[in-house]
């Protein structure tokens, strides 16, 4: 029962729904490997979008407010007092809704270039409001690319939840994030657990992430001639991206068996 409860930190159905999408997209993968042209996120079966959201949700429920945000330097206090936050590549908005409920004095602006996911995020917000019996008025979802300057500026915190490694232009996305932060602002980058060397990733988690990355993350970046970082990029590669974008401070704030949380400042 613990594995089937969506509010459980070990809920597993999302992973199986994402895997189901792989079989439904088999013909697309065959063509992708023949041509090398890649496959964009929005071109996958919709089971991937919903499954991914449900797959990541347990980690966010179990860690985001309790340990990840407190691990960042001088961020939790700002959120409690009232901060301006941008979420890049927000997907179904699950992480943002969790933060919006925990920090009602802060304002959250979420962005994703996948329109259907933004609509689902708005629907998730309505469901959460109905369940909680009150309006959550400090969240705004927008269908905008990570490289679009219309995301605004003067943010205290900008978040990237399990999405930077998928992007066609991760350096460009981080440059825009740096420009959009306040001088004392913070970027929180959540990435899949990965070591820098291939052989160090040949464990159960690493093998699973390599398999998923081959079909989803790498092709999405390749579709727009990106660097194809993939889900096992590792800390060294992520640091290179941040330094190329002009960030001067970068550290691993905390980690779980499935994720690494990075803290970056201009």
Protein backbone atom coordinates (compact mmCIF):
# COMPACT_ATOMS: atom_id res chain seq x y z
CA UNK A 1 0.00 0.00 0.00
CA UNK A 2 2.86 2.38 0.76
CA UNK A 3 4.04 2.07 -2.86
CA UNK A 4 0.55 2.94 -4.16
CA UNK A 5 -0.14 5.98 -1.95
CA UNK A 6 0.55 9.16 -3.94
CA UNK A 7 1.40 11.07 -0.75
CA UNK A 8 3.99 8.47 0.28
CA UNK A 9 7.73 9.18 -0.14
CA UNK A 10 8.09 5.76 -1.81
CA UNK A 11 5.16 6.06 -4.25
CA UNK A 12 6.17 4.12 -7.37
CA UNK A 13 3.29 4.34 -9.88
CA UNK A 14 4.71 7.43 -11.58
CA UNK A 15 7.82 5.53 -12.62
CA UNK A 16 5.74 2.79 -14.22
CA UNK A 17 3.56 5.29 -16.06
CA UNK A 18 6.66 6.95 -17.49
CA UNK A 19 8.02 3.55 -18.52
CA UNK A 20 4.70 2.79 -20.22
CA UNK A 21 5.18 5.86 -22.40
CA UNK A 22 8.47 4.42 -23.71
CA UNK A 23 6.69 1.45 -25.25
CA UNK A 24 4.04 3.70 -26.80
CA UNK A 25 6.81 5.80 -28.42
CA UNK A 26 8.83 2.83 -29.71
CA UNK A 27 8.46 3.75 -33.39
CA UNK A 28 9.66 7.29 -32.65
CA UNK A 29 12.72 5.93 -30.86
CA UNK A 30 13.60 3.68 -33.80
CA UNK A 31 13.50 6.69 -36.11
CA UNK A 32 15.44 8.77 -33.59
CA UNK A 33 18.30 6.28 -33.46
CA UNK A 34 18.34 5.94 -37.24
CA UNK A 35 18.59 9.66 -37.90
CA UNK A 36 20.23 11.08 -34.77
CA UNK A 37 17.85 14.04 -34.91
CA UNK A 38 16.60 13.72 -31.35
CA UNK A 39 13.06 13.94 -29.99
CA UNK A 40 11.56 16.90 -28.16
CA UNK A 41 9.81 16.55 -24.82
CA UNK A 42 6.44 17.55 -26.27
CA UNK A 43 6.65 14.87 -28.97
CA UNK A 44 6.44 12.01 -26.45
CA UNK A 45 3.26 10.23 -25.39
CA UNK A 46 1.40 12.11 -22.63
CA UNK A 47 2.09 9.26 -20.17
CA UNK A 48 5.65 10.60 -19.95
CA UNK A 49 4.55 14.03 -18.71
CA UNK A 50 2.14 12.74 -16.07
CA UNK A 51 4.38 9.83 -15.09
CA UNK A 52 7.42 12.07 -14.63
CA UNK A 53 5.46 14.48 -12.43
CA UNK A 54 4.26 11.63 -10.25
CA UNK A 55 7.72 10.04 -10.21
CA UNK A 56 9.41 13.17 -8.85
CA UNK A 57 6.59 14.13 -6.47
CA UNK A 58 7.59 11.79 -3.58
CA UNK A 59 11.12 13.26 -3.46
CA UNK A 60 9.73 16.78 -3.41
CA UNK A 61 7.12 15.97 -0.75
CA UNK A 62 9.68 14.21 1.41
CA UNK A 63 12.60 16.62 1.06
CA UNK A 64 11.93 20.02 -0.48
CA UNK A 65 10.63 22.05 2.46
CA UNK A 66 12.11 19.92 5.25
CA UNK A 67 15.75 19.63 4.07
CA UNK A 68 16.50 21.01 0.59
CA UNK A 69 15.51 24.64 1.14
CA UNK A 70 17.07 24.78 4.64
CA UNK A 71 20.34 23.54 3.09
CA UNK A 72 20.58 26.69 0.96
CA UNK A 73 22.43 29.70 2.32
CA UNK A 74 20.08 32.44 3.65
CA UNK A 75 17.12 31.32 1.53
CA UNK A 76 14.60 29.89 3.99
CA UNK A 77 14.47 33.11 6.00
CA UNK A 78 13.79 35.15 2.85
CA UNK A 79 10.98 32.78 1.84
CA UNK A 80 9.35 33.09 5.25
CA UNK A 81 9.55 36.89 5.17
CA UNK A 82 8.41 37.23 1.56
CA UNK A 83 10.55 36.52 -1.51
CA UNK A 84 10.10 36.64 -5.27
CA UNK A 85 10.71 33.21 -6.80
CA UNK A 86 10.91 31.93 -10.39
CA UNK A 87 10.61 28.26 -11.30
CA UNK A 88 12.18 27.32 -14.65
CA UNK A 89 10.99 24.14 -16.36
CA UNK A 90 8.25 23.72 -13.76
CA UNK A 91 6.33 20.92 -15.49
CA UNK A 92 3.16 20.15 -13.53
CA UNK A 93 4.11 22.68 -10.84
CA UNK A 94 4.15 20.18 -7.97
CA UNK A 95 7.32 21.57 -6.37
CA UNK A 96 6.04 25.14 -6.63
CA UNK A 97 2.68 24.39 -5.05
CA UNK A 98 4.49 22.75 -2.13
CA UNK A 99 6.62 25.87 -1.63
CA UNK A 100 3.69 28.25 -2.11
CA UNK A 101 1.77 26.51 0.68
CA UNK A 102 4.81 26.44 2.98
CA UNK A 103 5.76 30.09 2.37
CA UNK A 104 2.54 32.09 1.89
CA UNK A 105 4.35 35.45 2.16
CA UNK A 106 6.39 34.72 -1.00
CA UNK A 107 5.29 35.01 -4.62
CA UNK A 108 6.03 32.23 -7.11
CA UNK A 109 6.24 32.63 -10.90
CA UNK A 110 6.60 29.37 -12.83
CA UNK A 111 7.69 28.92 -16.45
CA UNK A 112 7.79 25.98 -18.86
CA UNK A 113 7.92 25.88 -22.66
CA UNK A 114 5.52 22.90 -22.75
CA UNK A 115 2.04 24.42 -22.91
CA UNK A 116 0.10 21.25 -21.95
CA UNK A 117 2.19 20.91 -18.77
CA UNK A 118 1.40 24.51 -17.79
CA UNK A 119 -2.31 23.78 -18.20
CA UNK A 120 -1.89 20.71 -16.00
CA UNK A 121 -0.03 22.81 -13.44
CA UNK A 122 -2.99 25.20 -13.28
CA UNK A 123 -5.29 22.22 -12.87
CA UNK A 124 -3.07 20.84 -10.08
CA UNK A 125 -3.34 24.20 -8.32
CA UNK A 126 -7.14 24.17 -8.57
CA UNK A 127 -7.26 20.63 -7.15
CA UNK A 128 -4.99 21.61 -4.26
CA UNK A 129 -7.15 24.64 -3.50
CA UNK A 130 -10.28 22.49 -3.54
CA UNK A 131 -8.67 19.91 -1.27
CA UNK A 132 -7.37 22.54 1.14
CA UNK A 133 -10.53 24.61 1.11
CA UNK A 134 -8.89 27.90 0.21
CA UNK A 135 -7.29 29.87 -2.59
CA UNK A 136 -3.53 29.66 -3.12
CA UNK A 137 -3.03 33.12 -4.57
CA UNK A 138 0.76 33.38 -4.58
CA UNK A 139 1.41 31.19 -7.68
CA UNK A 140 1.43 32.08 -11.37
CA UNK A 141 2.08 29.63 -14.23
CA UNK A 142 3.30 30.77 -17.68
CA UNK A 143 4.12 28.96 -20.94
CA UNK A 144 7.54 30.55 -21.54
CA UNK A 145 10.96 29.19 -22.54
CA UNK A 146 13.90 29.18 -20.11
CA UNK A 147 15.73 31.52 -22.52
CA UNK A 148 12.89 34.05 -22.84
CA UNK A 149 13.69 37.41 -21.24
CA UNK A 150 10.00 37.92 -20.41
CA UNK A 151 10.48 35.84 -17.26
CA UNK A 152 11.26 39.12 -15.47
CA UNK A 153 13.94 40.00 -12.94
CA UNK A 154 14.73 40.94 -9.33
CA UNK A 155 14.21 37.38 -8.09
CA UNK A 156 15.44 36.26 -4.70
CA UNK A 157 15.40 32.61 -5.79
CA UNK A 158 15.31 30.83 -9.15
CA UNK A 159 14.77 27.07 -9.23
CA UNK A 160 15.55 24.35 -11.78
CA UNK A 161 13.93 21.04 -10.79
CA UNK A 162 15.36 18.06 -12.70
CA UNK A 163 15.38 19.95 -15.98
CA UNK A 164 18.71 21.72 -16.62
CA UNK A 165 20.35 18.61 -18.10
CA UNK A 166 17.48 18.28 -20.62
CA UNK A 167 17.91 21.73 -22.14
CA UNK A 168 19.24 22.58 -25.58
CA UNK A 169 21.03 25.65 -24.21
CA UNK A 170 21.72 25.16 -20.49
CA UNK A 171 24.41 27.86 -20.46
CA UNK A 172 22.00 30.35 -22.02
CA UNK A 173 19.30 29.43 -19.50
CA UNK A 174 21.70 29.95 -16.60
CA UNK A 175 22.96 33.26 -18.04
CA UNK A 176 19.39 34.54 -18.14
CA UNK A 177 18.81 33.24 -14.62
CA UNK A 178 21.89 35.11 -13.39
CA UNK A 179 20.68 38.32 -15.04
CA UNK A 180 17.23 37.84 -13.50
CA UNK A 181 18.48 37.42 -9.92
CA UNK A 182 19.00 40.10 -7.34
CA UNK A 183 22.72 40.62 -6.51
CA UNK A 184 22.28 38.50 -3.37
CA UNK A 185 19.90 36.01 -5.01
CA UNK A 186 20.24 32.24 -5.25
CA UNK A 187 19.76 29.55 -7.86
CA UNK A 188 18.64 26.16 -6.57
CA UNK A 189 19.42 23.46 -9.12
CA UNK A 190 18.09 19.97 -8.44
CA UNK A 191 19.67 17.31 -10.63
CA UNK A 192 19.57 13.49 -10.66
CA UNK A 193 22.13 11.77 -8.44
CA UNK A 194 25.25 11.21 -10.54
CA UNK A 195 29.00 10.88 -10.11
CA UNK A 196 31.51 12.38 -12.53
CA UNK A 197 32.92 9.07 -13.79
CA UNK A 198 30.96 6.56 -15.84
CA UNK A 199 32.09 3.56 -13.81
CA UNK A 200 30.91 5.23 -10.60
CA UNK A 201 27.38 5.43 -12.00
CA UNK A 202 27.06 1.73 -12.79
CA UNK A 203 24.71 1.06 -9.88
CA UNK A 204 20.94 0.53 -9.72
CA UNK A 205 20.07 4.24 -9.69
CA UNK A 206 22.68 5.24 -12.28
CA UNK A 207 21.76 2.47 -14.71
CA UNK A 208 18.09 3.39 -14.44
CA UNK A 209 18.80 7.07 -15.06
CA UNK A 210 21.09 6.27 -18.01
CA UNK A 211 18.30 4.22 -19.62
CA UNK A 212 15.67 6.93 -19.17
CA UNK A 213 18.11 9.63 -20.23
CA UNK A 214 18.91 7.82 -23.48
CA UNK A 215 15.25 7.92 -24.50
CA UNK A 216 14.17 11.30 -23.08
CA UNK A 217 16.83 13.73 -21.80
CA UNK A 218 19.58 13.37 -24.39
CA UNK A 219 17.20 13.33 -27.42
CA UNK A 220 15.40 16.46 -26.17
CA UNK A 221 18.66 18.40 -26.14
CA UNK A 222 19.85 16.93 -29.46
CA UNK A 223 16.59 17.94 -31.16
CA UNK A 224 17.79 21.56 -30.98
CA UNK A 225 21.52 20.85 -31.39
CA UNK A 226 22.18 21.06 -27.66
CA UNK A 227 25.09 19.59 -25.66
CA UNK A 228 23.05 16.53 -24.56
CA UNK A 229 24.22 16.56 -20.94
CA UNK A 230 21.85 13.78 -19.96
CA UNK A 231 20.65 12.76 -16.51
CA UNK A 232 24.11 11.55 -15.45
CA UNK A 233 26.05 14.74 -16.16
CA UNK A 234 27.61 14.86 -12.68
CA UNK A 235 28.70 17.74 -10.47
CA UNK A 236 31.81 18.65 -12.49
CA UNK A 237 29.80 19.21 -15.68
CA UNK A 238 27.04 21.15 -13.92
CA UNK A 239 29.70 23.37 -12.32
CA UNK A 240 31.20 24.04 -15.77
CA UNK A 241 27.77 25.15 -17.02
CA UNK A 242 27.31 27.52 -14.07
CA UNK A 243 30.79 29.00 -14.41
CA UNK A 244 30.31 29.51 -18.16
CA UNK A 245 27.12 31.41 -17.32
CA UNK A 246 29.02 33.71 -14.97
CA UNK A 247 28.12 32.36 -11.54
CA UNK A 248 30.92 32.85 -9.02
CA UNK A 249 29.70 30.65 -6.13
CA UNK A 250 28.66 27.03 -6.53
CA UNK A 251 28.35 24.20 -4.04
CA UNK A 252 26.58 20.91 -3.40
CA UNK A 253 24.12 21.84 -0.66
CA UNK A 254 22.68 18.41 0.07
CA UNK A 255 21.68 15.13 -1.59
CA UNK A 256 19.45 12.07 -1.47
CA UNK A 257 19.95 8.65 -3.13
CA UNK A 258 18.11 10.08 -6.15
CA UNK A 259 18.99 13.78 -6.30
CA UNK A 260 21.73 16.37 -5.77
CA UNK A 261 20.80 19.90 -4.71
CA UNK A 262 23.17 22.65 -5.87
CA UNK A 263 23.36 26.19 -4.44
CA UNK A 264 24.63 28.83 -6.90
CA UNK A 265 25.03 32.59 -6.53
CA UNK A 266 26.00 35.37 -8.98
